[in-house]
Amino acid sequence: MPPKRRSDTEMSTGYETLLSSVSELLRRGRQNAAKSVNAVLTTTYWLVGRRLVEFEQRGKERAVYGSELLKRLSGDLQSRFGRGFSERNLEQMRQLYLQWGNPQTLSADSAAGISPKISQTPSAKLSLGEAPVTILIQHGMGHE
């Protein structure tokens, strides 16, 4: 006996259910991928900030900050990796490390959706305000 053929109505209803469930899977997958990327980038930028601070302090309690280091590093990183590594972005990475010295707190807060605010120069405050880290990461730390 040949299998029963579904009616157009049954096929349409079944297809809409399939489309809806596949769409929801894809939506959740993309959302989870974005969260994972955000967490990895946050950690990476925190580590960059830590390396900057450690290099500048060279074992001293406080660092003497000079713009020459950020200018040179910015140029070299942009040559190797493209946009997203302006002097200002590197400064924001440094500030991320200084404000969140404990990486466990950073990852726990990131997972909870809590975002620290990063201090910026007065000129940056005029254009962007104090942007949360998640906003900076979603936009590639400003892509300057």
C-alpha atoms as a PDB file:
ATOM      1  CA  MET A   1       0.000   0.000   0.000  1.00  0.00           C
ATOM      2  CA  PRO A   2       1.530   3.383  -1.014  1.00  0.00           C
ATOM      3  CA  PRO A   3       2.095   5.976   1.736  1.00  0.00           C
ATOM      4  CA  LYS A   4      -0.643   8.559   2.206  1.00  0.00           C
ATOM      5  CA  ARG A   5      -0.021  11.858   0.529  1.00  0.00           C
ATOM      6  CA  ARG A   6      -0.407  14.898   2.784  1.00  0.00           C
ATOM      7  CA  SER A   7      -2.973  17.473   1.876  1.00  0.00           C
ATOM      8  CA  ASP A   8      -1.875  20.967   0.924  1.00  0.00           C
ATOM      9  CA  THR A   9      -3.260  22.283   4.222  1.00  0.00           C
ATOM     10  CA  GLU A  10      -1.339  19.704   6.264  1.00  0.00           C
ATOM     11  CA  MET A  11       1.804  20.397   4.235  1.00  0.00           C
ATOM     12  CA  SER A  12       1.422  24.157   4.697  1.00  0.00           C
ATOM     13  CA  THR A  13       0.879  23.866   8.458  1.00  0.00           C
ATOM     14  CA  GLY A  14       3.775  21.422   8.804  1.00  0.00           C
ATOM     15  CA  TYR A  15       6.045  23.615   6.723  1.00  0.00           C
ATOM     16  CA  GLU A  16       5.244  26.712   8.797  1.00  0.00           C
ATOM     17  CA  THR A  17       6.079  24.748  11.965  1.00  0.00           C
ATOM     18  CA  LEU A  18       9.350  23.563  10.408  1.00  0.00           C
ATOM     19  CA  LEU A  19      10.258  27.070   9.234  1.00  0.00           C
ATOM     20  CA  SER A  20       9.476  28.521  12.642  1.00  0.00           C
ATOM     21  CA  SER A  21      11.529  25.924  14.554  1.00  0.00           C
ATOM     22  CA  VAL A  22      14.531  26.163  12.190  1.00  0.00           C
ATOM     23  CA  SER A  23      14.388  29.970  12.333  1.00  0.00           C
ATOM     24  CA  GLU A  24      14.392  29.867  16.146  1.00  0.00           C
ATOM     25  CA  LEU A  25      17.388  27.499  16.158  1.00  0.00           C
ATOM     26  CA  LEU A  26      19.320  29.815  13.846  1.00  0.00           C
ATOM     27  CA  ARG A  27      18.374  32.899  15.870  1.00  0.00           C
ATOM     28  CA  ARG A  28      19.519  31.291  19.137  1.00  0.00           C
ATOM     29  CA  GLY A  29      22.693  29.979  17.508  1.00  0.00           C
ATOM     30  CA  ARG A  30      23.616  33.418  16.203  1.00  0.00           C
ATOM     31  CA  GLN A  31      22.828  34.991  19.567  1.00  0.00           C
ATOM     32  CA  ASN A  32      25.016  32.461  21.393  1.00  0.00           C
ATOM     33  CA  ALA A  33      27.827  32.923  18.873  1.00  0.00           C
ATOM     34  CA  ALA A  34      27.725  36.706  19.394  1.00  0.00           C
ATOM     35  CA  LYS A  35      27.894  36.239  23.184  1.00  0.00           C
ATOM     36  CA  SER A  36      30.867  33.896  22.837  1.00  0.00           C
ATOM     37  CA  VAL A  37      32.721  36.280  20.532  1.00  0.00           C
ATOM     38  CA  ASN A  38      31.960  39.173  22.885  1.00  0.00           C
ATOM     39  CA  ALA A  39      33.379  37.253  25.862  1.00  0.00           C
ATOM     40  CA  VAL A  40      36.539  36.270  23.953  1.00  0.00           C
ATOM     41  CA  LEU A  41      37.113  39.821  22.696  1.00  0.00           C
ATOM     42  CA  THR A  42      36.529  41.291  26.155  1.00  0.00           C
ATOM     43  CA  THR A  43      39.124  38.928  27.606  1.00  0.00           C
ATOM     44  CA  THR A  44      41.548  39.622  24.765  1.00  0.00           C
ATOM     45  CA  TYR A  45      41.235  43.395  25.164  1.00  0.00           C
ATOM     46  CA  TRP A  46      41.668  43.051  28.940  1.00  0.00           C
ATOM     47  CA  LEU A  47      44.872  41.055  28.343  1.00  0.00           C
ATOM     48  CA  VAL A  48      46.149  43.685  25.879  1.00  0.00           C
ATOM     49  CA  GLY A  49      45.449  46.331  28.520  1.00  0.00           C
ATOM     50  CA  ARG A  50      47.346  44.321  31.134  1.00  0.00           C
ATOM     51  CA  ARG A  51      50.362  43.966  28.833  1.00  0.00           C
ATOM     52  CA  LEU A  52      50.348  47.704  28.165  1.00  0.00           C
ATOM     53  CA  VAL A  53      50.248  48.533  31.885  1.00  0.00           C
ATOM     54  CA  GLU A  54      52.928  45.974  32.744  1.00  0.00           C
ATOM     55  CA  PHE A  55      55.189  47.206  29.944  1.00  0.00           C
ATOM     56  CA  GLU A  56      54.749  50.839  30.950  1.00  0.00           C
ATOM     57  CA  GLN A  57      55.304  50.206  34.654  1.00  0.00           C
ATOM     58  CA  ARG A  58      58.346  47.968  34.162  1.00  0.00           C
ATOM     59  CA  GLY A  59      58.172  46.767  37.755  1.00  0.00           C
ATOM     60  CA  LYS A  60      57.375  50.179  39.214  1.00  0.00           C
ATOM     61  CA  GLU A  61      54.214  50.839  41.208  1.00  0.00           C
ATOM     62  CA  ARG A  62      53.108  53.606  38.863  1.00  0.00           C
ATOM     63  CA  ALA A  63      53.715  54.134  35.174  1.00  0.00           C
ATOM     64  CA  VAL A  64      54.755  57.227  33.306  1.00  0.00           C
ATOM     65  CA  TYR A  65      52.312  57.274  30.420  1.00  0.00           C
ATOM     66  CA  GLY A  66      53.583  58.509  27.125  1.00  0.00           C
ATOM     67  CA  SER A  67      51.707  58.789  23.892  1.00  0.00           C
ATOM     68  CA  GLU A  68      54.700  57.599  21.865  1.00  0.00           C
ATOM     69  CA  LEU A  69      54.211  53.969  22.922  1.00  0.00           C
ATOM     70  CA  LEU A  70      50.525  53.954  21.954  1.00  0.00           C
ATOM     71  CA  LYS A  71      51.241  55.792  18.711  1.00  0.00           C
ATOM     72  CA  ARG A  72      53.911  53.302  17.664  1.00  0.00           C
ATOM     73  CA  LEU A  73      51.962  50.240  18.793  1.00  0.00           C
ATOM     74  CA  SER A  74      48.808  51.519  17.101  1.00  0.00           C
ATOM     75  CA  GLY A  75      50.592  51.917  13.787  1.00  0.00           C
ATOM     76  CA  ASP A  76      52.221  48.492  13.974  1.00  0.00           C
ATOM     77  CA  LEU A  77      49.007  46.702  14.993  1.00  0.00           C
ATOM     78  CA  GLN A  78      47.002  48.438  12.282  1.00  0.00           C
ATOM     79  CA  SER A  79      49.613  47.331   9.728  1.00  0.00           C
ATOM     80  CA  ARG A  80      49.279  43.730  10.902  1.00  0.00           C
ATOM     81  CA  PHE A  81      45.569  43.490  11.778  1.00  0.00           C
ATOM     82  CA  GLY A  82      43.782  46.420  10.120  1.00  0.00           C
ATOM     83  CA  ARG A  83      41.321  48.765  11.752  1.00  0.00           C
ATOM     84  CA  GLY A  84      40.373  48.768  15.419  1.00  0.00           C
ATOM     85  CA  PHE A  85      43.713  49.553  17.026  1.00  0.00           C
ATOM     86  CA  SER A  86      43.840  53.332  17.206  1.00  0.00           C
ATOM     87  CA  GLU A  87      45.705  55.036  20.035  1.00  0.00           C
ATOM     88  CA  ARG A  88      42.352  55.779  21.629  1.00  0.00           C
ATOM     89  CA  ASN A  89      41.273  52.121  21.434  1.00  0.00           C
ATOM     90  CA  LEU A  90      44.548  50.995  22.997  1.00  0.00           C
ATOM     91  CA  GLU A  91      43.992  53.517  25.780  1.00  0.00           C
ATOM     92  CA  GLN A  92      40.503  52.071  26.300  1.00  0.00           C
ATOM     93  CA  MET A  93      42.006  48.579  26.559  1.00  0.00           C
ATOM     94  CA  ARG A  94      44.425  49.878  29.174  1.00  0.00           C
ATOM     95  CA  GLN A  95      41.530  51.459  31.070  1.00  0.00           C
ATOM     96  CA  LEU A  96      39.571  48.190  30.868  1.00  0.00           C
ATOM     97  CA  TYR A  97      42.434  46.415  32.613  1.00  0.00           C
ATOM     98  CA  LEU A  98      42.883  49.157  35.199  1.00  0.00           C
ATOM     99  CA  GLN A  99      39.170  49.210  36.053  1.00  0.00           C
ATOM    100  CA  TRP A 100      38.759  45.427  36.050  1.00  0.00           C
ATOM    101  CA  GLY A 101      42.013  44.171  37.562  1.00  0.00           C
ATOM    102  CA  ASN A 102      40.484  40.781  38.421  1.00  0.00           C
ATOM    103  CA  PRO A 103      39.688  38.761  35.271  1.00  0.00           C
ATOM    104  CA  GLN A 104      37.285  36.500  37.206  1.00  0.00           C
ATOM    105  CA  THR A 105      35.144  39.534  38.006  1.00  0.00           C
ATOM    106  CA  LEU A 106      35.313  40.659  34.391  1.00  0.00           C
ATOM    107  CA  SER A 107      34.141  37.343  32.971  1.00  0.00           C
ATOM    108  CA  ALA A 108      31.453  36.897  35.619  1.00  0.00           C
ATOM    109  CA  ASP A 109      30.102  40.390  35.050  1.00  0.00           C
ATOM    110  CA  SER A 110      30.306  39.966  31.287  1.00  0.00           C
ATOM    111  CA  ALA A 111      28.303  36.750  31.481  1.00  0.00           C
ATOM    112  CA  ALA A 112      25.733  38.548  33.622  1.00  0.00           C
ATOM    113  CA  GLY A 113      25.464  41.355  31.077  1.00  0.00           C
ATOM    114  CA  ILE A 114      27.089  43.964  33.354  1.00  0.00           C
ATOM    115  CA  SER A 115      29.329  46.392  31.525  1.00  0.00           C
ATOM    116  CA  PRO A 116      31.850  48.761  33.110  1.00  0.00           C
ATOM    117  CA  LYS A 117      32.179  52.305  31.875  1.00  0.00           C
ATOM    118  CA  ILE A 118      35.533  53.386  30.501  1.00  0.00           C
ATOM    119  CA  SER A 119      36.777  56.894  31.109  1.00  0.00           C
ATOM    120  CA  GLN A 120      37.586  58.804  27.975  1.00  0.00           C
ATOM    121  CA  THR A 121      39.295  62.021  27.091  1.00  0.00           C
ATOM    122  CA  PRO A 122      37.133  65.174  27.181  1.00  0.00           C
ATOM    123  CA  SER A 123      36.997  65.265  23.379  1.00  0.00           C
ATOM    124  CA  ALA A 124      35.828  61.653  23.233  1.00  0.00           C
ATOM    125  CA  LYS A 125      33.115  62.353  25.805  1.00  0.00           C
ATOM    126  CA  LEU A 126      31.705  65.016  23.530  1.00  0.00           C
ATOM    127  CA  SER A 127      31.129  62.574  20.703  1.00  0.00           C
ATOM    128  CA  LEU A 128      30.460  59.222  22.402  1.00  0.00           C
ATOM    129  CA  GLY A 129      29.928  59.732  26.107  1.00  0.00           C
ATOM    130  CA  GLU A 130      31.276  57.068  28.427  1.00  0.00           C
ATOM    131  CA  ALA A 131      30.638  53.960  26.351  1.00  0.00           C
ATOM    132  CA  PRO A 132      30.178  50.555  27.994  1.00  0.00           C
ATOM    133  CA  VAL A 133      32.717  47.900  27.041  1.00  0.00           C
ATOM    134  CA  THR A 134      30.117  45.751  25.297  1.00  0.00           C
ATOM    135  CA  ILE A 135      29.283  48.634  22.955  1.00  0.00           C
ATOM    136  CA  LEU A 136      32.970  49.165  22.208  1.00  0.00           C
ATOM    137  CA  ILE A 137      33.477  45.498  21.464  1.00  0.00           C
ATOM    138  CA  GLN A 138      30.363  45.172  19.334  1.00  0.00           C
ATOM    139  CA  HIS A 139      31.728  48.002  17.212  1.00  0.00           C
ATOM    140  CA  GLY A 140      35.321  46.750  17.160  1.00  0.00           C
ATOM    141  CA  MET A 141      36.484  49.201  19.851  1.00  0.00           C
ATOM    142  CA  GLY A 142      35.500  52.105  17.611  1.00  0.00           C
ATOM    143  CA  HIS A 143      37.260  50.894  14.429  1.00  0.00           C
ATOM    144  CA  GLU A 144      39.367  53.991  14.235  1.00  0.00           C
END
